[in-house]
PDB file of all heavy atoms in Angstrom:
ATOM      1  N   GLY A   1      33.629  29.814 -14.863  1.00  0.00           N
ATOM      2  CA  GLY A   1      33.312  28.718 -14.172  1.00  0.00           C
ATOM      3  C   GLY A   1      33.432  28.752 -12.657  1.00  0.00           C
ATOM      4  O   GLY A   1      33.514  27.735 -11.971  1.00  0.00           O
ATOM      5  N   VAL A   2      33.464  29.978 -12.109  1.00  0.00           N
ATOM      6  CA  VAL A   2      33.479  30.161 -10.601  1.00  0.00           C
ATOM      7  C   VAL A   2      32.081  30.234 -10.180  1.00  0.00           C
ATOM      8  O   VAL A   2      31.231  31.175 -10.609  1.00  0.00           O
ATOM      9  CB  VAL A   2      34.230  31.369 -10.165  1.00  0.00           C
ATOM     10  CG1 VAL A   2      34.289  31.498  -8.668  1.00  0.00           C
ATOM     11  CG2 VAL A   2      35.617  31.327 -10.777  1.00  0.00           C
ATOM     12  N   THR A   3      31.574  29.367  -9.164  1.00  0.00           N
ATOM     13  CA  THR A   3      30.229  29.482  -8.537  1.00  0.00           C
ATOM     14  C   THR A   3      30.144  30.598  -7.592  1.00  0.00           C
ATOM     15  O   THR A   3      30.992  30.687  -6.593  1.00  0.00           O
ATOM     16  CB  THR A   3      29.891  28.064  -7.904  1.00  0.00           C
ATOM     17  OG1 THR A   3      30.015  26.981  -8.799  1.00  0.00           O
ATOM     18  CG2 THR A   3      28.551  28.171  -7.187  1.00  0.00           C
ATOM     19  N   PRO A   4      29.356  31.589  -7.876  1.00  0.00           N
ATOM     20  CA  PRO A   4      29.379  32.778  -6.740  1.00  0.00           C
ATOM     21  C   PRO A   4      28.484  32.429  -5.521  1.00  0.00           C
ATOM     22  O   PRO A   4      27.531  31.637  -5.687  1.00  0.00           O
ATOM     23  CB  PRO A   4      28.575  33.809  -7.622  1.00  0.00           C
ATOM     24  CG  PRO A   4      27.535  32.967  -8.473  1.00  0.00           C
ATOM     25  CD  PRO A   4      28.322  31.725  -8.887  1.00  0.00           C
ATOM     26  N   MET A   5      28.784  33.134  -4.445  1.00  0.00           N
ATOM     27  CA  MET A   5      27.989  32.896  -3.250  1.00  0.00           C
ATOM     28  C   MET A   5      27.372  34.214  -2.722  1.00  0.00           C
ATOM     29  O   MET A   5      26.804  34.224  -1.667  1.00  0.00           O
ATOM     30  CB  MET A   5      28.959  32.346  -2.139  1.00  0.00           C
ATOM     31  CG  MET A   5      30.095  33.285  -1.720  1.00  0.00           C
ATOM     32  SD  MET A   5      30.926  32.650  -0.263  1.00  0.00           S
ATOM     33  CE  MET A   5      29.705  32.804   1.033  1.00  0.00           C
ATOM     34  N   VAL A   6      27.373  35.254  -3.473  1.00  0.00           N
ATOM     35  CA  VAL A   6      26.787  36.553  -3.075  1.00  0.00           C
ATOM     36  C   VAL A   6      26.531  37.444  -4.335  1.00  0.00           C
ATOM     37  O   VAL A   6      27.140  37.314  -5.393  1.00  0.00           O
ATOM     38  CB  VAL A   6      27.813  37.221  -2.085  1.00  0.00           C
ATOM     39  CG1 VAL A   6      28.905  37.829  -2.777  1.00  0.00           C
ATOM     40  CG2 VAL A   6      26.989  38.314  -1.274  1.00  0.00           C
ATOM     41  N   ASP A   7      25.642  38.399  -4.177  1.00  0.00           N
ATOM     42  CA  ASP A   7      25.428  39.424  -5.328  1.00  0.00           C
ATOM     43  C   ASP A   7      26.563  40.266  -5.330  1.00  0.00           C
ATOM     44  O   ASP A   7      26.932  41.045  -4.451  1.00  0.00           O
ATOM     45  CB  ASP A   7      24.245  40.161  -4.840  1.00  0.00           C
ATOM     46  CG  ASP A   7      23.844  41.349  -5.944  1.00  0.00           C
ATOM     47  OD1 ASP A   7      24.571  41.373  -6.948  1.00  0.00           O
ATOM     48  OD2 ASP A   7      22.873  42.075  -5.673  1.00  0.00           O
ATOM     49  N   PHE A   8      27.324  40.184  -6.442  1.00  0.00           N
ATOM     50  CA  PHE A   8      28.603  40.758  -6.567  1.00  0.00           C
ATOM     51  C   PHE A   8      28.397  42.404  -6.492  1.00  0.00           C
ATOM     52  O   PHE A   8      29.269  43.108  -6.009  1.00  0.00           O
ATOM     53  CB  PHE A   8      29.246  40.490  -7.914  1.00  0.00           C
ATOM     54  CG  PHE A   8      30.606  41.009  -8.067  1.00  0.00           C
ATOM     55  CD1 PHE A   8      31.697  40.325  -7.487  1.00  0.00           C
ATOM     56  CD2 PHE A   8      30.884  42.031  -9.063  1.00  0.00           C
ATOM     57  CE1 PHE A   8      32.968  40.847  -7.733  1.00  0.00           C
ATOM     58  CE2 PHE A   8      32.134  42.523  -9.188  1.00  0.00           C
ATOM     59  CZ  PHE A   8      33.298  41.946  -8.514  1.00  0.00           C
ATOM     60  N   GLU A   9      27.331  42.839  -7.105  1.00  0.00           N
ATOM     61  CA  GLU A   9      27.012  44.350  -7.150  1.00  0.00           C
ATOM     62  C   GLU A   9      27.259  44.922  -5.699  1.00  0.00           C
ATOM     63  O   GLU A   9      27.507  46.041  -5.505  1.00  0.00           O
ATOM     64  CB  GLU A   9      25.748  44.577  -7.777  1.00  0.00           C
ATOM     65  CG  GLU A   9      25.686  44.130  -9.111  1.00  0.00           C
ATOM     66  CD  GLU A   9      26.706  44.655 -10.136  1.00  0.00           C
ATOM     67  OE1 GLU A   9      27.083  45.865  -9.914  1.00  0.00           O
ATOM     68  OE2 GLU A   9      27.074  44.045 -11.123  1.00  0.00           O
ATOM     69  N   ARG A  10      26.748  44.152  -4.644  1.00  0.00           N
ATOM     70  CA  ARG A  10      26.738  44.747  -3.299  1.00  0.00           C
ATOM     71  C   ARG A  10      28.156  44.874  -2.739  1.00  0.00           C
ATOM     72  O   ARG A  10      28.461  45.520  -1.721  1.00  0.00           O
ATOM     73  CB  ARG A  10      25.940  43.806  -2.461  1.00  0.00           C
ATOM     74  CG  ARG A  10      24.430  43.692  -2.889  1.00  0.00           C
ATOM     75  CD  ARG A  10      23.625  42.986  -1.880  1.00  0.00           C
ATOM     76  NE  ARG A  10      23.366  43.700  -0.704  1.00  0.00           N
ATOM     77  CZ  ARG A  10      22.848  43.248   0.427  1.00  0.00           C
ATOM     78  NH1 ARG A  10      22.358  42.110   0.482  1.00  0.00           N
ATOM     79  NH2 ARG A  10      22.553  44.078   1.502  1.00  0.00           N
ATOM     80  N   LEU A  11      29.223  44.214  -3.440  1.00  0.00           N
ATOM     81  CA  LEU A  11      30.559  44.228  -2.893  1.00  0.00           C
ATOM     82  C   LEU A  11      31.298  45.585  -3.316  1.00  0.00           C
ATOM     83  O   LEU A  11      32.274  45.941  -2.819  1.00  0.00           O
ATOM     84  CB  LEU A  11      31.362  43.103  -3.377  1.00  0.00           C
ATOM     85  CG  LEU A  11      30.833  41.726  -2.790  1.00  0.00           C
ATOM     86  CD1 LEU A  11      31.601  40.654  -3.585  1.00  0.00           C
ATOM     87  CD2 LEU A  11      31.171  41.628  -1.302  1.00  0.00           C
ATOM     88  N   VAL A  12      30.673  46.057  -4.487  1.00  0.00           N
ATOM     89  CA  VAL A  12      31.485  47.078  -5.156  1.00  0.00           C
ATOM     90  C   VAL A  12      31.164  48.551  -4.465  1.00  0.00           C
ATOM     91  O   VAL A  12      30.209  49.206  -4.610  1.00  0.00           O
ATOM     92  CB  VAL A  12      31.025  47.263  -6.622  1.00  0.00           C
ATOM     93  CG1 VAL A  12      31.793  48.292  -7.492  1.00  0.00           C
ATOM     94  CG2 VAL A  12      31.143  46.007  -7.275  1.00  0.00           C
ATOM     95  N   VAL A  13      32.100  48.846  -3.578  1.00  0.00           N
ATOM     96  CA  VAL A  13      31.993  49.983  -2.750  1.00  0.00           C
ATOM     97  C   VAL A  13      33.377  50.554  -2.382  1.00  0.00           C
ATOM     98  O   VAL A  13      34.458  49.776  -2.423  1.00  0.00           O
ATOM     99  CB  VAL A  13      31.208  49.721  -1.441  1.00  0.00           C
ATOM    100  CG1 VAL A  13      32.031  48.617  -0.573  1.00  0.00           C
ATOM    101  CG2 VAL A  13      31.023  50.882  -0.576  1.00  0.00           C
ATOM    102  N   MET A  14      33.538  51.894  -2.387  1.00  0.00           N
ATOM    103  CA  MET A  14      34.896  52.511  -2.217  1.00  0.00           C
ATOM    104  C   MET A  14      34.698  53.649  -1.215  1.00  0.00           C
ATOM    105  O   MET A  14      33.736  54.494  -1.242  1.00  0.00           O
ATOM    106  CB  MET A  14      35.277  53.046  -3.468  1.00  0.00           C
ATOM    107  CG  MET A  14      36.655  53.785  -3.624  1.00  0.00           C
ATOM    108  SD  MET A  14      37.968  52.528  -3.389  1.00  0.00           S
ATOM    109  CE  MET A  14      39.513  53.502  -3.532  1.00  0.00           C
ATOM    110  N   GLY A  15      35.654  53.694  -0.192  1.00  0.00           N
ATOM    111  CA  GLY A  15      35.767  54.812   0.779  1.00  0.00           C
ATOM    112  C   GLY A  15      35.319  54.368   2.033  1.00  0.00           C
ATOM    113  O   GLY A  15      34.423  53.497   2.297  1.00  0.00           O
ATOM    114  N   PHE A  16      35.935  54.954   3.114  1.00  0.00           N
ATOM    115  CA  PHE A  16      35.665  54.659   4.464  1.00  0.00           C
ATOM    116  C   PHE A  16      34.123  54.841   4.930  1.00  0.00           C
ATOM    117  O   PHE A  16      33.547  53.940   5.448  1.00  0.00           O
ATOM    118  CB  PHE A  16      36.553  55.453   5.410  1.00  0.00           C
ATOM    119  CG  PHE A  16      38.057  55.348   5.240  1.00  0.00           C
ATOM    120  CD1 PHE A  16      38.772  56.224   4.613  1.00  0.00           C
ATOM    121  CD2 PHE A  16      38.680  54.199   5.707  1.00  0.00           C
ATOM    122  CE1 PHE A  16      40.147  56.094   4.374  1.00  0.00           C
ATOM    123  CE2 PHE A  16      39.966  53.955   5.522  1.00  0.00           C
ATOM    124  CZ  PHE A  16      40.782  54.927   5.004  1.00  0.00           C
ATOM    125  N   VAL A  17      33.704  56.034   4.498  1.00  0.00           N
ATOM    126  CA  VAL A  17      32.429  56.420   4.845  1.00  0.00           C
ATOM    127  C   VAL A  17      31.379  55.441   4.036  1.00  0.00           C
ATOM    128  O   VAL A  17      30.383  54.999   4.635  1.00  0.00           O
ATOM    129  CB  VAL A  17      31.997  57.879   4.501  1.00  0.00           C
ATOM    130  CG1 VAL A  17      30.603  58.101   4.734  1.00  0.00           C
ATOM    131  CG2 VAL A  17      32.751  58.831   5.435  1.00  0.00           C
ATOM    132  N   GLU A  18      31.448  55.230   2.756  1.00  0.00           N
ATOM    133  CA  GLU A  18      30.756  54.369   2.007  1.00  0.00           C
ATOM    134  C   GLU A  18      30.779  52.895   2.664  1.00  0.00           C
ATOM    135  O   GLU A  18      29.662  52.225   2.620  1.00  0.00           O
ATOM    136  CB  GLU A  18      31.202  54.395   0.540  1.00  0.00           C
ATOM    137  CG  GLU A  18      30.910  55.664  -0.080  1.00  0.00           C
ATOM    138  CD  GLU A  18      32.150  56.700   0.132  1.00  0.00           C
ATOM    139  OE1 GLU A  18      33.022  56.419   1.010  1.00  0.00           O
ATOM    140  OE2 GLU A  18      32.214  57.864  -0.431  1.00  0.00           O
ATOM    141  N   VAL A  19      31.866  52.390   2.966  1.00  0.00           N
ATOM    142  CA  VAL A  19      31.847  50.991   3.571  1.00  0.00           C
ATOM    143  C   VAL A  19      31.080  50.977   4.940  1.00  0.00           C
ATOM    144  O   VAL A  19      30.402  49.973   5.199  1.00  0.00           O
ATOM    145  CB  VAL A  19      33.365  50.562   3.770  1.00  0.00           C
ATOM    146  CG1 VAL A  19      33.547  49.267   4.538  1.00  0.00           C
ATOM    147  CG2 VAL A  19      34.117  50.409   2.408  1.00  0.00           C
ATOM    148  N   ALA A  20      31.340  51.989   5.713  1.00  0.00           N
ATOM    149  CA  ALA A  20      30.566  52.057   6.963  1.00  0.00           C
ATOM    150  C   ALA A  20      29.100  51.962   6.805  1.00  0.00           C
ATOM    151  O   ALA A  20      28.354  51.290   7.605  1.00  0.00           O
ATOM    152  CB  ALA A  20      31.102  53.329   7.724  1.00  0.00           C
ATOM    153  N   SER A  21      28.506  52.638   5.717  1.00  0.00           N
ATOM    154  CA  SER A  21      27.266  52.689   5.460  1.00  0.00           C
ATOM    155  C   SER A  21      26.636  51.241   5.096  1.00  0.00           C
ATOM    156  O   SER A  21      25.394  50.935   5.176  1.00  0.00           O
ATOM    157  CB  SER A  21      26.747  53.699   4.394  1.00  0.00           C
ATOM    158  OG  SER A  21      27.288  53.181   3.150  1.00  0.00           O
ATOM    159  N   ARG A  22      27.567  50.281   4.712  1.00  0.00           N
ATOM    160  CA  ARG A  22      27.120  49.030   4.250  1.00  0.00           C
ATOM    161  C   ARG A  22      27.492  48.004   5.299  1.00  0.00           C
ATOM    162  O   ARG A  22      27.715  46.713   5.006  1.00  0.00           O
ATOM    163  CB  ARG A  22      27.745  48.739   2.905  1.00  0.00           C
ATOM    164  CG  ARG A  22      27.419  49.725   1.674  1.00  0.00           C
ATOM    165  CD  ARG A  22      26.114  49.364   1.048  1.00  0.00           C
ATOM    166  NE  ARG A  22      26.310  48.175   0.216  1.00  0.00           N
ATOM    167  CZ  ARG A  22      26.858  48.218  -0.881  1.00  0.00           C
ATOM    168  NH1 ARG A  22      27.330  49.440  -1.508  1.00  0.00           N
ATOM    169  NH2 ARG A  22      26.993  47.127  -1.688  1.00  0.00           N
ATOM    170  N   LEU A  23      27.910  48.397   6.455  1.00  0.00           N
ATOM    171  CA  LEU A  23      28.481  47.485   7.500  1.00  0.00           C
ATOM    172  C   LEU A  23      27.675  46.364   7.712  1.00  0.00           C
ATOM    173  O   LEU A  23      28.160  45.189   7.849  1.00  0.00           O
ATOM    174  CB  LEU A  23      28.748  48.369   8.797  1.00  0.00           C
ATOM    175  CG  LEU A  23      29.545  47.671   9.851  1.00  0.00           C
ATOM    176  CD1 LEU A  23      30.957  47.109   9.156  1.00  0.00           C
ATOM    177  CD2 LEU A  23      29.840  48.494  11.101  1.00  0.00           C
ATOM    178  N   PRO A  24      26.301  46.445   7.866  1.00  0.00           N
ATOM    179  CA  PRO A  24      25.581  45.265   8.233  1.00  0.00           C
ATOM    180  C   PRO A  24      25.683  44.203   7.129  1.00  0.00           C
ATOM    181  O   PRO A  24      25.728  42.984   7.345  1.00  0.00           O
ATOM    182  CB  PRO A  24      24.121  45.774   8.277  1.00  0.00           C
ATOM    183  CG  PRO A  24      24.177  47.170   8.585  1.00  0.00           C
ATOM    184  CD  PRO A  24      25.449  47.588   7.900  1.00  0.00           C
ATOM    185  N   PHE A  25      25.777  44.492   5.760  1.00  0.00           N
ATOM    186  CA  PHE A  25      25.933  43.544   4.678  1.00  0.00           C
ATOM    187  C   PHE A  25      27.259  42.891   4.831  1.00  0.00           C
ATOM    188  O   PHE A  25      27.443  41.650   4.758  1.00  0.00           O
ATOM    189  CB  PHE A  25      25.917  44.210   3.378  1.00  0.00           C
ATOM    190  CG  PHE A  25      26.407  43.463   2.261  1.00  0.00           C
ATOM    191  CD1 PHE A  25      25.769  42.312   1.763  1.00  0.00           C
ATOM    192  CD2 PHE A  25      27.671  43.781   1.777  1.00  0.00           C
ATOM    193  CE1 PHE A  25      26.209  41.531   0.735  1.00  0.00           C
ATOM    194  CE2 PHE A  25      28.201  42.983   0.739  1.00  0.00           C
ATOM    195  CZ  PHE A  25      27.461  41.767   0.163  1.00  0.00           C
ATOM    196  N   PHE A  26      28.408  43.616   5.187  1.00  0.00           N
ATOM    197  CA  PHE A  26      29.689  42.997   5.252  1.00  0.00           C
ATOM    198  C   PHE A  26      29.807  42.119   6.518  1.00  0.00           C
ATOM    199  O   PHE A  26      30.515  41.062   6.452  1.00  0.00           O
ATOM    200  CB  PHE A  26      30.788  44.084   5.274  1.00  0.00           C
ATOM    201  CG  PHE A  26      31.035  44.658   3.855  1.00  0.00           C
ATOM    202  CD1 PHE A  26      30.555  45.804   3.468  1.00  0.00           C
ATOM    203  CD2 PHE A  26      31.776  43.867   2.926  1.00  0.00           C
ATOM    204  CE1 PHE A  26      30.674  46.327   2.250  1.00  0.00           C
ATOM    205  CE2 PHE A  26      31.919  44.430   1.611  1.00  0.00           C
ATOM    206  CZ  PHE A  26      31.469  45.699   1.281  1.00  0.00           C
ATOM    207  N   LEU A  27      29.261  42.546   7.596  1.00  0.00           N
ATOM    208  CA  LEU A  27      29.185  41.577   8.719  1.00  0.00           C
ATOM    209  C   LEU A  27      28.353  40.359   8.473  1.00  0.00           C
ATOM    210  O   LEU A  27      28.830  39.164   8.827  1.00  0.00           O
ATOM    211  CB  LEU A  27      28.553  42.316   9.912  1.00  0.00           C
ATOM    212  CG  LEU A  27      29.253  43.533  10.506  1.00  0.00           C
ATOM    213  CD1 LEU A  27      28.549  44.228  11.587  1.00  0.00           C
ATOM    214  CD2 LEU A  27      30.645  42.994  11.095  1.00  0.00           C
ATOM    215  N   SER A  28      27.293  40.387   7.711  1.00  0.00           N
ATOM    216  CA  SER A  28      26.530  39.210   7.271  1.00  0.00           C
ATOM    217  C   SER A  28      27.413  38.358   6.451  1.00  0.00           C
ATOM    218  O   SER A  28      27.376  37.103   6.479  1.00  0.00           O
ATOM    219  CB  SER A  28      25.270  39.662   6.575  1.00  0.00           C
ATOM    220  OG  SER A  28      24.471  38.506   6.036  1.00  0.00           O
ATOM    221  N   LEU A  29      28.115  38.948   5.414  1.00  0.00           N
ATOM    222  CA  LEU A  29      28.996  38.288   4.439  1.00  0.00           C
ATOM    223  C   LEU A  29      30.091  37.590   5.319  1.00  0.00           C
ATOM    224  O   LEU A  29      30.372  36.338   4.972  1.00  0.00           O
ATOM    225  CB  LEU A  29      29.604  39.191   3.585  1.00  0.00           C
ATOM    226  CG  LEU A  29      30.519  38.653   2.495  1.00  0.00           C
ATOM    227  CD1 LEU A  29      29.875  37.536   1.665  1.00  0.00           C
ATOM    228  CD2 LEU A  29      31.225  39.684   1.687  1.00  0.00           C
ATOM    229  N   ARG A  30      30.681  38.130   6.361  1.00  0.00           N
ATOM    230  CA  ARG A  30      31.569  37.360   7.065  1.00  0.00           C
ATOM    231  C   ARG A  30      31.096  36.049   7.756  1.00  0.00           C
ATOM    232  O   ARG A  30      31.801  35.113   7.806  1.00  0.00           O
ATOM    233  CB  ARG A  30      32.272  38.363   8.201  1.00  0.00           C
ATOM    234  CG  ARG A  30      33.230  39.362   7.641  1.00  0.00           C
ATOM    235  CD  ARG A  30      33.939  40.145   8.797  1.00  0.00           C
ATOM    236  NE  ARG A  30      34.848  41.154   8.413  1.00  0.00           N
ATOM    237  CZ  ARG A  30      35.600  41.737   9.090  1.00  0.00           C
ATOM    238  NH1 ARG A  30      35.746  41.539  10.476  1.00  0.00           N
ATOM    239  NH2 ARG A  30      36.504  42.606   8.759  1.00  0.00           N
ATOM    240  N   ARG A  31      29.966  36.287   8.270  1.00  0.00           N
ATOM    241  CA  ARG A  31      29.267  35.102   8.837  1.00  0.00           C
ATOM    242  C   ARG A  31      29.091  34.052   7.839  1.00  0.00           C
ATOM    243  O   ARG A  31      29.316  32.930   8.206  1.00  0.00           O
ATOM    244  CB  ARG A  31      27.999  35.586   9.545  1.00  0.00           C
ATOM    245  CG  ARG A  31      28.096  36.425  10.855  1.00  0.00           C
ATOM    246  CD  ARG A  31      26.758  36.550  11.539  1.00  0.00           C
ATOM    247  NE  ARG A  31      25.812  37.310  10.807  1.00  0.00           N
ATOM    248  CZ  ARG A  31      25.658  38.636  10.873  1.00  0.00           C
ATOM    249  NH1 ARG A  31      26.404  39.334  11.728  1.00  0.00           N
ATOM    250  NH2 ARG A  31      24.578  39.062  10.136  1.00  0.00           N
ATOM    251  N   ARG A  32      28.593  34.372   6.742  1.00  0.00           N
ATOM    252  CA  ARG A  32      28.399  33.318   5.677  1.00  0.00           C
ATOM    253  C   ARG A  32      29.737  32.739   5.256  1.00  0.00           C
ATOM    254  O   ARG A  32      29.711  31.404   5.006  1.00  0.00           O
ATOM    255  CB  ARG A  32      27.777  33.984   4.460  1.00  0.00           C
ATOM    256  CG  ARG A  32      26.361  34.522   4.583  1.00  0.00           C
ATOM    257  CD  ARG A  32      25.823  35.010   3.341  1.00  0.00           C
ATOM    258  NE  ARG A  32      25.798  34.028   2.216  1.00  0.00           N
ATOM    259  CZ  ARG A  32      25.430  34.214   1.111  1.00  0.00           C
ATOM    260  NH1 ARG A  32      25.021  35.396   0.619  1.00  0.00           N
ATOM    261  NH2 ARG A  32      25.356  33.315   0.045  1.00  0.00           N
TER     262      ARG A  32
END
């Protein structure tokens, strides 16, 4: 019963380097 606000699969990431490669997505998520 939770209404989602983003594609969950794009959140599933692990590791400093891996997160850095997805930085634009996470910055956009923060703005949302």
